[in-house]
Amino acid sequence: DHHVNYGSGSGLQDRVAFVQNDPSQYDASIRLADLQVSDTGTYQCRVKKNTVAVHEVIVTVQEKPATPQCWTEGELIVGSSILLRCYSR
């Protein structure tokens, strides 16, 4: 039907668009811009020509890890061993 149904309160209106200007030309792909963790969910594509074809895709968006905190353990002496530790949330 040449439209995207965004669902209620999804915040997708400004971030979803068809890849091709005219989806009736056999490409009804959509692009979801500026992914957010809240975009995780099941997305459904319904294409209707002579019959209706439905395909569902599960999208999982994970948060980018925080910048790691790193430090050394042990004395910095030539020929000795040290331990480099890093931690990230």
C-alpha atoms as a PDB file:
ATOM      1  CA  ASP A   1       0.000   0.000   0.000  1.00  0.00           C
ATOM      2  CA  HIS A   2       3.059   2.296  -0.348  1.00  0.00           C
ATOM      3  CA  HIS A   3       3.195   3.165   3.355  1.00  0.00           C
ATOM      4  CA  VAL A   4       5.013   2.216   6.545  1.00  0.00           C
ATOM      5  CA  ASN A   5       2.992   1.458   9.673  1.00  0.00           C
ATOM      6  CA  TYR A   6       5.161   2.690  12.559  1.00  0.00           C
ATOM      7  CA  GLY A   7       3.111   1.320  15.450  1.00  0.00           C
ATOM      8  CA  SER A   8       1.906   3.465  18.308  1.00  0.00           C
ATOM      9  CA  GLY A   9       4.411   5.614  20.170  1.00  0.00           C
ATOM     10  CA  SER A  10       7.405   3.974  18.522  1.00  0.00           C
ATOM     11  CA  GLY A  11       9.347   7.127  17.628  1.00  0.00           C
ATOM     12  CA  LEU A  12      10.228   5.650  14.224  1.00  0.00           C
ATOM     13  CA  GLN A  13       8.442   8.188  12.003  1.00  0.00           C
ATOM     14  CA  ASP A  14      11.546  10.255  11.251  1.00  0.00           C
ATOM     15  CA  ARG A  15      13.935   7.289  11.053  1.00  0.00           C
ATOM     16  CA  VAL A  16      12.255   4.767   8.737  1.00  0.00           C
ATOM     17  CA  ALA A  17      11.964   5.059   4.976  1.00  0.00           C
ATOM     18  CA  PHE A  18      11.698   2.849   1.927  1.00  0.00           C
ATOM     19  CA  VAL A  19      15.087   2.201   0.293  1.00  0.00           C
ATOM     20  CA  GLN A  20      13.549   2.786  -3.156  1.00  0.00           C
ATOM     21  CA  ASN A  21      11.205   5.711  -3.773  1.00  0.00           C
ATOM     22  CA  ASP A  22       8.568   3.443  -5.321  1.00  0.00           C
ATOM     23  CA  PRO A  23       8.198   0.134  -3.448  1.00  0.00           C
ATOM     24  CA  SER A  24       5.828  -1.171  -6.134  1.00  0.00           C
ATOM     25  CA  GLN A  25       8.910  -1.672  -8.335  1.00  0.00           C
ATOM     26  CA  TYR A  26       9.642  -4.966  -6.515  1.00  0.00           C
ATOM     27  CA  ASP A  27      11.796  -3.611  -3.660  1.00  0.00           C
ATOM     28  CA  ALA A  28       9.883  -2.840  -0.482  1.00  0.00           C
ATOM     29  CA  SER A  29      13.026  -2.789   1.667  1.00  0.00           C
ATOM     30  CA  ILE A  30      13.131  -0.240   4.458  1.00  0.00           C
ATOM     31  CA  ARG A  31      16.053   1.510   6.139  1.00  0.00           C
ATOM     32  CA  LEU A  32      16.014   2.148   9.883  1.00  0.00           C
ATOM     33  CA  ALA A  33      18.364   5.025  10.740  1.00  0.00           C
ATOM     34  CA  ASP A  34      19.984   5.926  14.064  1.00  0.00           C
ATOM     35  CA  LEU A  35      19.370   2.577  15.753  1.00  0.00           C
ATOM     36  CA  GLN A  36      18.503   2.684  19.436  1.00  0.00           C
ATOM     37  CA  VAL A  37      18.233  -0.052  22.049  1.00  0.00           C
ATOM     38  CA  SER A  38      14.481   0.637  22.178  1.00  0.00           C
ATOM     39  CA  ASP A  39      14.254  -0.407  18.480  1.00  0.00           C
ATOM     40  CA  THR A  40      14.721  -4.039  19.537  1.00  0.00           C
ATOM     41  CA  GLY A  41      11.670  -6.015  18.477  1.00  0.00           C
ATOM     42  CA  THR A  42       9.924  -7.975  15.752  1.00  0.00           C
ATOM     43  CA  TYR A  43       9.423  -6.187  12.439  1.00  0.00           C
ATOM     44  CA  GLN A  44       6.971  -7.396   9.821  1.00  0.00           C
ATOM     45  CA  CYS A  45       7.005  -6.839   6.085  1.00  0.00           C
ATOM     46  CA  ARG A  46       3.677  -7.300   4.278  1.00  0.00           C
ATOM     47  CA  VAL A  47       3.804  -7.145   0.499  1.00  0.00           C
ATOM     48  CA  LYS A  48       0.528  -7.246  -1.399  1.00  0.00           C
ATOM     49  CA  LYS A  49       0.331  -7.707  -5.171  1.00  0.00           C
ATOM     50  CA  ASN A  50      -2.011 -10.499  -6.269  1.00  0.00           C
ATOM     51  CA  THR A  51      -1.575 -12.241  -2.914  1.00  0.00           C
ATOM     52  CA  VAL A  52      -0.201 -11.147   0.454  1.00  0.00           C
ATOM     53  CA  ALA A  53       3.290 -12.234   1.511  1.00  0.00           C
ATOM     54  CA  VAL A  54       4.378 -11.685   5.107  1.00  0.00           C
ATOM     55  CA  HIS A  55       7.874 -11.963   6.537  1.00  0.00           C
ATOM     56  CA  GLU A  56       8.975 -11.219  10.098  1.00  0.00           C
ATOM     57  CA  VAL A  57      12.474 -10.227  11.219  1.00  0.00           C
ATOM     58  CA  ILE A  58      13.656 -10.047  14.814  1.00  0.00           C
ATOM     59  CA  VAL A  59      16.030  -7.127  15.410  1.00  0.00           C
ATOM     60  CA  THR A  60      18.177  -6.959  18.552  1.00  0.00           C
ATOM     61  CA  VAL A  61      20.042  -3.709  19.195  1.00  0.00           C
ATOM     62  CA  GLN A  62      22.701  -3.840  21.883  1.00  0.00           C
ATOM     63  CA  GLU A  63      24.323  -0.903  23.594  1.00  0.00           C
ATOM     64  CA  LYS A  64      27.794   0.167  22.590  1.00  0.00           C
ATOM     65  CA  PRO A  65      30.212  -0.724  25.401  1.00  0.00           C
ATOM     66  CA  ALA A  66      31.623   2.055  27.522  1.00  0.00           C
ATOM     67  CA  THR A  67      35.227   3.169  27.049  1.00  0.00           C
ATOM     68  CA  PRO A  68      37.408   0.636  28.843  1.00  0.00           C
ATOM     69  CA  GLN A  69      39.362   1.538  31.954  1.00  0.00           C
ATOM     70  CA  CYS A  70      42.856   0.034  31.833  1.00  0.00           C
ATOM     71  CA  TRP A  71      45.702  -0.192  34.345  1.00  0.00           C
ATOM     72  CA  THR A  72      48.899  -2.140  34.932  1.00  0.00           C
ATOM     73  CA  GLU A  73      49.807  -4.376  37.844  1.00  0.00           C
ATOM     74  CA  GLY A  74      53.443  -4.979  38.605  1.00  0.00           C
ATOM     75  CA  GLU A  75      56.603  -2.920  38.430  1.00  0.00           C
ATOM     76  CA  LEU A  76      57.750  -1.584  35.084  1.00  0.00           C
ATOM     77  CA  ILE A  77      61.225  -3.132  35.112  1.00  0.00           C
ATOM     78  CA  VAL A  78      62.974  -4.199  31.907  1.00  0.00           C
ATOM     79  CA  GLY A  79      62.817  -7.981  31.610  1.00  0.00           C
ATOM     80  CA  SER A  80      60.096  -8.453  34.219  1.00  0.00           C
ATOM     81  CA  SER A  81      56.432  -9.249  33.651  1.00  0.00           C
ATOM     82  CA  ILE A  82      53.487  -6.936  34.194  1.00  0.00           C
ATOM     83  CA  LEU A  83      49.779  -7.480  33.927  1.00  0.00           C
ATOM     84  CA  LEU A  84      47.573  -5.152  31.862  1.00  0.00           C
ATOM     85  CA  ARG A  85      43.970  -5.207  33.058  1.00  0.00           C
ATOM     86  CA  CYS A  86      40.998  -3.646  31.300  1.00  0.00           C
ATOM     87  CA  TYR A  87      37.361  -3.362  32.315  1.00  0.00           C
ATOM     88  CA  SER A  88      34.309  -2.118  30.465  1.00  0.00           C
ATOM     89  CA  ARG A  89      30.617  -2.051  31.381  1.00  0.00           C
END
